[in-house]
Amino acid sequence: MTAYVIVAVTVGAALARPTFGPIRVQPQAAALFGAALMILAGALPLATAAGALGFLWRPVTTIVSLMVITLIAERAGLFGLVAWWVAKRADGDGVRLFTYLFLAGTATGALFTNDAAVLILTPLVFQLVEDIKQPGWQRVNKVPYYFAVLYVANVVGAFVTSNPINIVVSQWFGIGFLEYAGWMMLPAATSIAVSYVGLRISFRHTIPAGFRRVQQVPKVERPRFLIASACILLLTLAGFFSEPITGIPTAYVAAGGAALLFLVNHVAGGRTVDVVRGVSWDVIGFVIGMFLVAQGLRTSGLTDAGGQFIGVALRAGEAAATLVTGLTAGVFSAVLNNHPVASMTAMTIGDLQLDGMTTRVLALSALIGGDLGPRMLPIGSLAALMWFRILRGKGVHIPYAQYVRLGVPITLIAIVLSVLVLNLEFAIAGLR
């Protein structure tokens, strides 16, 4: 019972962010405090906590490295150049601009994690919209472009690197970069298509017909720095895809790419300390804290109860179980945040000791729900919370009601169709 109370306090504090005097509790502080309470209350033995931290070093290394890579690429001017190119290609067509921003954002989020995509693209798109808006544009004409950024951050991750929860859960089950991509590319494409169509229908009356064309190419102050950064990015991506050949895990490839970019940044006159400060350490603290809280729940028997629930669903067939798992993970991710839900679901599935194929399809179904679920409620993911915070800082206030009204139907349809596609893939693989 103690563990459940600690979870309620942890999640409540992370979402409500209460104020104590001049101090406001942030999500990462709440998560780490919850982990400490689990240990102090005896719900999480020190040996178990140490084992969890030993497991987390690779996922955390991957996440930090990807953030460093994204930050240095942004400082080199790469993303600003991409934004200009997108606007140039759209050629004054507002709907085409929406489509291109959605596709460019999808690629960025898939490769550099959703949190990094939101941090980089939200202010970039905000500034782009301010630069190209025409006289007569209202707030409603700008909002579709902001939602395009958010939704590309919360689609099914085509790669392990697309979402921190993908990194953690894939490491838990020993799923490599290419194996993950092989199973999740089609479900990801399905979720992307559903999300795009859903947004287009929802904003069909407010996406502006045209915008002011961009003319001047953005000035790149250090072109050699930009070229070197782009080359290292390509090499890092090649390293991800060549893991089965080289045997080098994703974490080491990401760390190597980050180290090379640190060197290039230093040679170009950038300060390493500025990059380190720019890393979203709050995300790292939240991931670690919530994983330890989930371990405490596992020790307290919650995953056993979850396993019984999945076991009941499995009696109706594997397809039914994957759909139940995906929808359950999605709903709970929306309500509790996808980080603790992903960790608890992974532990639950792992403890069932099913055959390898069933374990993988259930784990990937849970990730589909975890990746998409946060779009139903704004508290579901750190990416969404950062999106709201960045826009509020620029004077843009998106009503929570609008977020929920858009998110619930689009997300539920995306989860169901994505899980069905995943089931079809496993069914075909089973026939071979």
Protein backbone atom coordinates (compact mmCIF):
# COMPACT_ATOMS: atom_id res chain seq x y z
CA MET A 1 0.00 0.00 0.00
CA THR A 2 2.87 2.34 0.83
CA ALA A 3 4.25 2.09 -2.71
CA TYR A 4 0.90 3.09 -4.22
CA VAL A 5 0.68 6.15 -1.95
CA ILE A 6 4.21 7.16 -2.97
CA VAL A 7 3.28 6.84 -6.66
CA ALA A 8 0.17 8.97 -6.13
CA VAL A 9 2.21 11.65 -4.34
CA THR A 10 4.98 11.53 -6.96
CA VAL A 11 2.72 11.80 -9.99
CA GLY A 12 0.52 14.41 -8.30
CA ALA A 13 3.51 16.59 -7.45
CA ALA A 14 5.01 16.17 -10.93
CA LEU A 15 1.80 17.30 -12.58
CA ALA A 16 0.58 19.96 -10.11
CA ARG A 17 4.06 21.42 -9.46
CA PRO A 18 3.16 22.82 -6.02
CA THR A 19 4.97 25.83 -4.59
CA PHE A 20 6.69 25.84 -1.21
CA GLY A 21 7.66 29.41 -0.45
CA PRO A 22 9.89 30.64 -3.30
CA ILE A 23 10.48 27.08 -4.56
CA ARG A 24 8.27 25.44 -7.19
CA VAL A 25 8.50 21.65 -7.41
CA GLN A 26 9.48 20.53 -10.91
CA PRO A 27 8.64 17.11 -12.41
CA GLN A 28 12.20 15.80 -12.16
CA ALA A 29 12.44 16.77 -8.48
CA ALA A 30 9.12 15.03 -7.78
CA ALA A 31 10.31 11.87 -9.57
CA LEU A 32 13.63 11.73 -7.72
CA PHE A 33 11.89 12.47 -4.41
CA GLY A 34 9.45 9.63 -5.11
CA ALA A 35 12.37 7.29 -5.80
CA ALA A 36 14.01 8.32 -2.53
CA LEU A 37 10.74 7.69 -0.65
CA MET A 38 10.51 4.22 -2.21
CA ILE A 39 13.98 3.40 -0.85
CA LEU A 40 13.38 4.96 2.60
CA ALA A 41 10.03 3.17 2.96
CA GLY A 42 11.64 -0.17 2.12
CA ALA A 43 9.52 -0.65 -1.02
CA LEU A 44 12.68 -0.49 -3.12
CA PRO A 45 15.68 -2.33 -1.66
CA LEU A 46 19.03 -0.62 -2.18
CA ALA A 47 20.36 -3.60 -4.15
CA THR A 48 17.38 -3.41 -6.53
CA ALA A 49 17.85 0.34 -6.92
CA ALA A 50 21.54 -0.16 -7.67
CA GLY A 51 20.69 -2.79 -10.28
CA ALA A 52 18.17 -0.43 -11.89
CA LEU A 53 20.76 2.34 -12.09
CA GLY A 54 23.23 -0.12 -13.60
CA PHE A 55 20.67 -0.97 -16.25
CA LEU A 56 19.87 2.68 -16.98
CA TRP A 57 23.36 3.85 -17.87
CA ARG A 58 23.04 2.87 -21.54
CA PRO A 59 19.59 4.41 -22.11
CA VAL A 60 20.61 7.58 -20.28
CA THR A 61 23.86 7.80 -22.25
CA THR A 62 21.86 7.50 -25.47
CA ILE A 63 19.35 10.19 -24.47
CA VAL A 64 22.01 12.67 -23.31
CA SER A 65 24.12 12.06 -26.41
CA LEU A 66 21.15 12.67 -28.72
CA MET A 67 20.37 15.90 -26.91
CA VAL A 68 23.97 17.06 -27.29
CA ILE A 69 23.93 16.18 -30.99
CA THR A 70 20.68 18.11 -31.48
CA LEU A 71 21.90 21.16 -29.57
CA ILE A 72 25.16 21.45 -31.48
CA ALA A 73 23.42 20.90 -34.83
CA GLU A 74 20.97 23.67 -33.91
CA ARG A 75 23.82 26.03 -32.96
CA ALA A 76 25.51 25.26 -36.25
CA GLY A 77 22.39 26.59 -37.97
CA LEU A 78 21.21 23.29 -39.43
CA PHE A 79 17.60 23.47 -38.25
CA GLY A 80 17.24 27.12 -39.18
CA LEU A 81 18.37 26.23 -42.68
CA VAL A 82 15.85 23.38 -42.80
CA ALA A 83 13.03 25.72 -41.72
CA TRP A 84 13.98 28.19 -44.45
CA TRP A 85 14.13 25.40 -47.04
CA VAL A 86 10.68 24.13 -45.99
CA ALA A 87 9.17 27.61 -46.29
CA LYS A 88 10.91 28.14 -49.63
CA ARG A 89 9.61 24.85 -51.02
CA ALA A 90 6.08 25.64 -49.84
CA ASP A 91 6.21 28.68 -52.15
CA GLY A 92 3.55 30.74 -50.40
CA ASP A 93 1.02 27.89 -50.05
CA GLY A 94 -0.20 27.64 -46.43
CA VAL A 95 -1.44 24.05 -46.67
CA ARG A 96 1.78 22.93 -48.33
CA LEU A 97 3.75 24.66 -45.57
CA PHE A 98 1.75 22.74 -42.96
CA THR A 99 2.49 19.47 -44.76
CA TYR A 100 6.20 20.16 -45.16
CA LEU A 101 6.59 21.26 -41.54
CA PHE A 102 4.82 18.11 -40.42
CA LEU A 103 7.11 15.89 -42.50
CA ALA A 104 10.30 17.74 -41.54
CA GLY A 105 9.31 17.60 -37.89
CA THR A 106 8.51 13.89 -38.15
CA ALA A 107 12.00 13.18 -39.46
CA THR A 108 13.59 15.30 -36.72
CA GLY A 109 11.58 13.65 -33.95
CA ALA A 110 12.27 10.17 -35.28
CA LEU A 111 16.04 10.66 -35.26
CA PHE A 112 16.70 12.96 -32.31
CA THR A 113 13.97 12.06 -29.71
CA ASN A 114 10.64 13.80 -29.32
CA ASP A 115 11.75 16.01 -26.43
CA ALA A 116 14.63 17.42 -28.47
CA ALA A 117 12.32 17.96 -31.45
CA VAL A 118 9.89 19.99 -29.35
CA LEU A 119 12.65 22.04 -27.72
CA ILE A 120 14.22 22.94 -31.07
CA LEU A 121 11.26 23.12 -33.44
CA THR A 122 8.66 24.92 -31.32
CA PRO A 123 10.54 28.25 -31.05
CA LEU A 124 11.81 27.80 -34.62
CA VAL A 125 8.32 27.35 -36.06
CA PHE A 126 6.97 30.17 -33.89
CA GLN A 127 9.56 32.55 -35.34
CA LEU A 128 8.98 31.26 -38.87
CA VAL A 129 5.24 31.87 -38.58
CA GLU A 130 5.86 35.40 -37.29
CA ASP A 131 8.16 36.09 -40.24
CA ILE A 132 5.81 34.83 -42.95
CA LYS A 133 2.38 35.81 -41.62
CA GLN A 134 0.26 38.06 -43.78
CA PRO A 135 -1.87 41.02 -42.68
CA GLY A 136 -5.18 39.71 -41.44
CA TRP A 137 -3.84 36.50 -39.92
CA GLN A 138 -5.55 35.69 -36.63
CA ARG A 139 -4.33 33.51 -33.77
CA VAL A 140 -6.34 30.58 -35.18
CA ASN A 141 -4.32 30.77 -38.40
CA LYS A 142 -1.06 30.18 -36.50
CA VAL A 143 -2.19 27.41 -34.15
CA PRO A 144 -2.24 24.61 -36.80
CA TYR A 145 1.51 25.02 -37.33
CA TYR A 146 2.16 24.80 -33.58
CA PHE A 147 0.12 21.59 -33.35
CA ALA A 148 2.02 20.16 -36.30
CA VAL A 149 5.21 20.42 -34.21
CA LEU A 150 3.59 18.79 -31.18
CA TYR A 151 2.04 15.90 -33.08
CA VAL A 152 5.26 14.93 -34.81
CA ALA A 153 6.77 14.67 -31.32
CA ASN A 154 4.09 12.16 -30.26
CA VAL A 155 3.70 9.67 -33.07
CA VAL A 156 4.81 6.05 -32.95
CA GLY A 157 8.59 6.12 -32.90
CA ALA A 158 9.95 4.61 -36.08
CA PHE A 159 13.34 4.21 -34.38
CA VAL A 160 14.59 3.45 -30.89
CA THR A 161 15.92 7.00 -30.76
CA SER A 162 12.50 8.58 -31.35
CA ASN A 163 11.41 8.64 -27.71
CA PRO A 164 13.21 8.11 -24.38
CA ILE A 165 10.67 5.43 -23.43
CA ASN A 166 11.57 3.52 -26.60
CA ILE A 167 15.22 3.58 -25.57
CA VAL A 168 14.51 2.32 -22.05
CA VAL A 169 12.02 -0.42 -23.03
CA SER A 170 14.10 -1.64 -26.00
CA GLN A 171 17.12 -1.95 -23.72
CA TRP A 172 14.97 -3.89 -21.23
CA PHE A 173 14.06 -6.50 -23.86
CA GLY A 174 17.34 -6.45 -25.79
CA ILE A 175 15.75 -5.12 -28.98
CA GLY A 176 18.40 -3.60 -31.26
CA PHE A 177 18.08 -0.51 -33.45
CA LEU A 178 17.43 -2.32 -36.71
CA GLU A 179 15.14 -4.96 -35.20
CA TYR A 180 13.03 -2.24 -33.61
CA ALA A 181 12.89 -0.27 -36.86
CA GLY A 182 11.97 -3.40 -38.80
CA TRP A 183 8.86 -3.96 -36.69
CA MET A 184 7.85 -0.34 -36.05
CA MET A 185 8.35 1.42 -39.38
CA LEU A 186 4.89 0.48 -40.69
CA PRO A 187 3.03 1.19 -37.42
CA ALA A 188 4.90 4.51 -37.30
CA ALA A 189 3.85 5.33 -40.86
CA THR A 190 0.26 4.45 -39.92
CA SER A 191 0.28 6.74 -36.89
CA ILE A 192 1.86 9.54 -38.95
CA ALA A 193 -0.81 9.23 -41.64
CA VAL A 194 -3.67 9.18 -39.10
CA SER A 195 -2.19 12.15 -37.24
CA TYR A 196 -1.71 14.20 -40.40
CA VAL A 197 -5.19 13.48 -41.73
CA GLY A 198 -6.73 14.16 -38.33
CA LEU A 199 -5.01 17.53 -38.03
CA ARG A 200 -5.84 18.49 -41.61
CA ILE A 201 -9.53 17.74 -41.02
CA SER A 202 -9.56 19.52 -37.66
CA PHE A 203 -7.87 22.65 -39.01
CA ARG A 204 -9.37 22.60 -42.50
CA HIS A 205 -11.03 25.98 -41.99
CA THR A 206 -8.14 27.73 -40.24
CA ILE A 207 -4.95 26.78 -42.10
CA PRO A 208 -4.26 29.94 -44.14
CA ALA A 209 -4.37 29.67 -47.90
CA GLY A 210 -1.16 31.63 -48.38
CA PHE A 211 1.77 33.28 -46.62
CA ARG A 212 4.47 35.78 -47.38
CA ARG A 213 7.20 34.06 -49.39
CA VAL A 214 10.69 33.88 -47.95
CA GLN A 215 13.44 35.25 -50.12
CA GLN A 216 16.79 35.61 -48.42
CA VAL A 217 18.76 32.55 -47.38
CA PRO A 218 19.49 32.70 -43.63
CA LYS A 219 23.04 33.75 -42.92
CA VAL A 220 25.29 30.93 -41.77
CA GLU A 221 28.04 32.48 -39.67
CA ARG A 222 30.28 29.41 -39.61
CA PRO A 223 29.73 27.36 -42.80
CA ARG A 224 32.57 24.92 -42.04
CA PHE A 225 31.04 24.22 -38.64
CA LEU A 226 27.69 23.56 -40.31
CA ILE A 227 29.19 21.19 -42.90
CA ALA A 228 31.24 19.29 -40.31
CA SER A 229 28.20 18.96 -38.02
CA ALA A 230 26.05 17.65 -40.88
CA CYS A 231 28.71 15.08 -41.83
CA ILE A 232 29.00 13.81 -38.26
CA LEU A 233 25.22 13.55 -38.06
CA LEU A 234 25.20 11.37 -41.17
CA LEU A 235 27.99 9.20 -39.80
CA THR A 236 26.11 8.75 -36.52
CA LEU A 237 22.94 7.72 -38.34
CA ALA A 238 24.97 5.28 -40.44
CA GLY A 239 26.34 3.86 -37.19
CA PHE A 240 22.82 3.28 -35.88
CA PHE A 241 21.78 1.35 -38.97
CA SER A 242 24.99 -0.67 -39.19
CA GLU A 243 24.73 -2.09 -35.64
CA PRO A 244 24.15 -5.70 -36.84
CA ILE A 245 27.37 -5.49 -38.89
CA THR A 246 29.62 -3.60 -36.49
CA GLY A 247 28.15 -4.91 -33.25
CA ILE A 248 28.45 -1.42 -31.74
CA PRO A 249 25.37 -0.69 -29.56
CA THR A 250 23.29 2.43 -30.16
CA ALA A 251 24.48 4.03 -26.91
CA TYR A 252 28.14 3.88 -27.99
CA VAL A 253 27.38 5.20 -31.47
CA ALA A 254 25.38 8.12 -30.03
CA ALA A 255 28.11 8.88 -27.49
CA GLY A 256 30.75 8.79 -30.24
CA GLY A 257 28.76 11.19 -32.39
CA ALA A 258 28.27 13.54 -29.44
CA ALA A 259 31.99 13.44 -28.60
CA LEU A 260 32.96 14.30 -32.20
CA LEU A 261 30.47 17.18 -32.25
CA PHE A 262 31.84 18.44 -28.94
CA LEU A 263 35.28 18.54 -30.59
CA VAL A 264 33.99 20.29 -33.71
CA ASN A 265 32.06 22.78 -31.57
CA HIS A 266 35.21 23.54 -29.56
CA VAL A 267 37.31 24.04 -32.70
CA ALA A 268 34.61 26.37 -34.07
CA GLY A 269 34.85 28.53 -30.96
CA GLY A 270 31.84 27.19 -29.09
CA ARG A 271 31.95 26.59 -25.37
CA THR A 272 31.43 23.05 -24.13
CA VAL A 273 29.88 24.32 -20.89
CA ASP A 274 27.13 26.07 -22.86
CA VAL A 275 26.19 22.79 -24.58
CA VAL A 276 26.22 20.89 -21.29
CA ARG A 277 23.96 23.50 -19.73
CA GLY A 278 21.62 23.27 -22.71
CA VAL A 279 20.96 19.55 -22.16
CA SER A 280 17.50 18.93 -20.67
CA TRP A 281 18.77 17.48 -17.42
CA ASP A 282 15.24 17.72 -16.06
CA VAL A 283 14.22 15.04 -18.56
CA ILE A 284 17.11 12.81 -17.44
CA GLY A 285 16.21 13.22 -13.78
CA PHE A 286 12.59 12.43 -14.56
CA VAL A 287 13.48 9.28 -16.51
CA ILE A 288 15.75 7.97 -13.72
CA GLY A 289 13.37 8.85 -10.90
CA MET A 290 10.30 7.35 -12.56
CA PHE A 291 12.13 4.15 -13.50
CA LEU A 292 13.11 3.68 -9.85
CA VAL A 293 9.51 4.38 -8.77
CA ALA A 294 8.35 1.74 -11.24
CA GLN A 295 10.87 -0.71 -9.77
CA GLY A 296 9.37 -0.02 -6.35
CA LEU A 297 5.92 -0.86 -7.70
CA ARG A 298 7.28 -4.04 -9.22
CA THR A 299 8.75 -5.09 -5.88
CA SER A 300 5.38 -4.33 -4.26
CA GLY A 301 3.53 -6.66 -6.62
CA LEU A 302 1.78 -4.24 -8.99
CA THR A 303 3.33 -5.81 -12.06
CA ASP A 304 1.94 -9.19 -10.94
CA ALA A 305 -1.56 -7.70 -11.04
CA GLY A 306 -0.84 -6.20 -14.45
CA GLY A 307 0.43 -9.54 -15.65
CA GLN A 308 -2.81 -11.23 -14.61
CA PHE A 309 -4.75 -8.62 -16.58
CA ILE A 310 -2.67 -9.25 -19.71
CA GLY A 311 -2.97 -13.00 -19.12
CA VAL A 312 -6.76 -12.73 -19.21
CA ALA A 313 -6.52 -10.79 -22.49
CA LEU A 314 -4.18 -13.45 -23.93
CA ARG A 315 -6.89 -16.09 -23.48
CA ALA A 316 -8.86 -14.26 -26.15
CA GLY A 317 -5.88 -14.44 -28.49
CA GLU A 318 -2.63 -12.62 -29.09
CA ALA A 319 -4.25 -9.99 -31.31
CA ALA A 320 -6.76 -9.11 -28.60
CA ALA A 321 -4.00 -8.95 -25.98
CA THR A 322 -1.89 -6.56 -28.05
CA LEU A 323 -4.85 -4.27 -28.64
CA VAL A 324 -5.73 -4.27 -24.94
CA THR A 325 -2.08 -3.64 -24.04
CA GLY A 326 -1.73 -0.77 -26.50
CA LEU A 327 -4.96 0.96 -25.48
CA THR A 328 -4.31 0.45 -21.75
CA ALA A 329 -0.78 1.82 -22.06
CA GLY A 330 -2.14 4.76 -24.07
CA VAL A 331 -4.85 5.69 -21.56
CA PHE A 332 -2.60 5.35 -18.54
CA SER A 333 0.18 7.27 -20.31
CA ALA A 334 -2.26 10.13 -20.84
CA VAL A 335 -3.30 10.14 -17.18
CA LEU A 336 -0.05 9.28 -15.38
CA ASN A 337 2.65 10.27 -17.91
CA ASN A 338 4.19 7.79 -20.32
CA HIS A 339 7.55 7.36 -18.54
CA PRO A 340 6.34 5.49 -15.44
CA VAL A 341 3.69 3.64 -17.46
CA ALA A 342 6.25 2.43 -20.03
CA SER A 343 8.61 1.21 -17.33
CA MET A 344 5.87 -0.59 -15.37
CA THR A 345 4.40 -2.16 -18.51
CA ALA A 346 7.82 -3.41 -19.65
CA MET A 347 8.45 -5.03 -16.28
CA THR A 348 4.98 -6.57 -16.29
CA ILE A 349 5.44 -8.12 -19.73
CA GLY A 350 8.97 -9.27 -18.94
CA ASP A 351 7.83 -11.02 -15.76
CA LEU A 352 5.23 -13.06 -17.69
CA GLN A 353 8.03 -15.17 -19.21
CA LEU A 354 6.22 -15.67 -22.53
CA ASP A 355 7.87 -16.87 -25.73
CA GLY A 356 10.10 -14.37 -27.51
CA MET A 357 7.67 -13.49 -30.30
CA THR A 358 4.72 -12.85 -27.96
CA THR A 359 6.89 -10.85 -25.56
CA ARG A 360 8.09 -8.59 -28.37
CA VAL A 361 4.68 -7.94 -29.90
CA LEU A 362 3.25 -7.07 -26.47
CA ALA A 363 6.19 -4.80 -25.64
CA LEU A 364 5.97 -2.98 -28.97
CA SER A 365 2.19 -2.65 -28.60
CA ALA A 366 2.74 -1.04 -25.21
CA LEU A 367 5.22 1.37 -26.78
CA ILE A 368 2.65 2.31 -29.43
CA GLY A 369 0.28 3.26 -26.63
CA GLY A 370 3.05 5.00 -24.70
CA ASP A 371 4.21 7.02 -27.71
CA LEU A 372 0.71 8.11 -28.76
CA GLY A 373 -1.25 8.21 -25.48
CA PRO A 374 0.12 11.53 -24.19
CA ARG A 375 -1.73 13.36 -26.95
CA MET A 376 -5.01 12.75 -25.12
CA LEU A 377 -4.09 14.81 -22.06
CA PRO A 378 -1.38 17.51 -21.77
CA ILE A 379 0.10 15.90 -18.65
CA GLY A 380 0.95 12.74 -20.57
CA SER A 381 4.50 13.57 -21.66
CA LEU A 382 7.32 15.95 -20.93
CA ALA A 383 7.35 16.92 -24.62
CA ALA A 384 3.79 18.24 -24.34
CA LEU A 385 4.53 20.07 -21.08
CA MET A 386 7.57 21.71 -22.68
CA TRP A 387 5.50 22.65 -25.75
CA PHE A 388 2.96 24.44 -23.56
CA ARG A 389 5.71 26.13 -21.56
CA ILE A 390 7.60 27.39 -24.61
CA LEU A 391 4.46 28.78 -26.26
CA ARG A 392 3.28 30.44 -23.03
CA GLY A 393 6.66 32.10 -22.79
CA LYS A 394 6.02 33.62 -26.21
CA GLY A 395 2.52 34.79 -25.34
CA VAL A 396 0.64 31.93 -27.02
CA HIS A 397 -1.95 30.26 -24.79
CA ILE A 398 -3.42 27.01 -26.12
CA PRO A 399 -6.57 25.96 -24.21
CA TYR A 400 -6.32 22.52 -22.63
CA ALA A 401 -9.85 21.83 -23.93
CA GLN A 402 -8.64 22.26 -27.52
CA TYR A 403 -5.73 19.90 -26.87
CA VAL A 404 -8.04 17.20 -25.48
CA ARG A 405 -10.74 17.70 -28.12
CA LEU A 406 -8.19 17.13 -30.87
CA GLY A 407 -6.14 14.50 -29.14
CA VAL A 408 -8.63 11.90 -27.92
CA PRO A 409 -10.24 10.82 -31.22
CA ILE A 410 -7.09 11.10 -33.33
CA THR A 411 -5.01 9.21 -30.77
CA LEU A 412 -7.45 6.36 -30.19
CA ILE A 413 -7.79 5.76 -33.94
CA ALA A 414 -4.01 5.90 -34.35
CA ILE A 415 -3.39 3.40 -31.53
CA VAL A 416 -5.93 0.88 -32.85
CA LEU A 417 -4.73 1.04 -36.46
CA SER A 418 -1.03 1.00 -35.52
CA VAL A 419 -1.46 -2.06 -33.28
CA LEU A 420 -3.44 -3.82 -36.01
CA VAL A 421 -0.61 -3.18 -38.49
CA LEU A 422 1.91 -4.51 -35.95
CA ASN A 423 -0.22 -7.63 -35.47
CA LEU A 424 -0.35 -8.15 -39.22
CA GLU A 425 3.45 -7.96 -39.41
CA PHE A 426 3.87 -10.58 -36.68
CA ALA A 427 1.23 -12.80 -38.25
CA ILE A 428 3.07 -12.72 -41.59
CA ALA A 429 6.39 -13.37 -39.83
CA GLY A 430 4.85 -16.37 -38.07
CA LEU A 431 3.88 -17.90 -41.43
CA ARG A 432 7.40 -17.83 -42.78
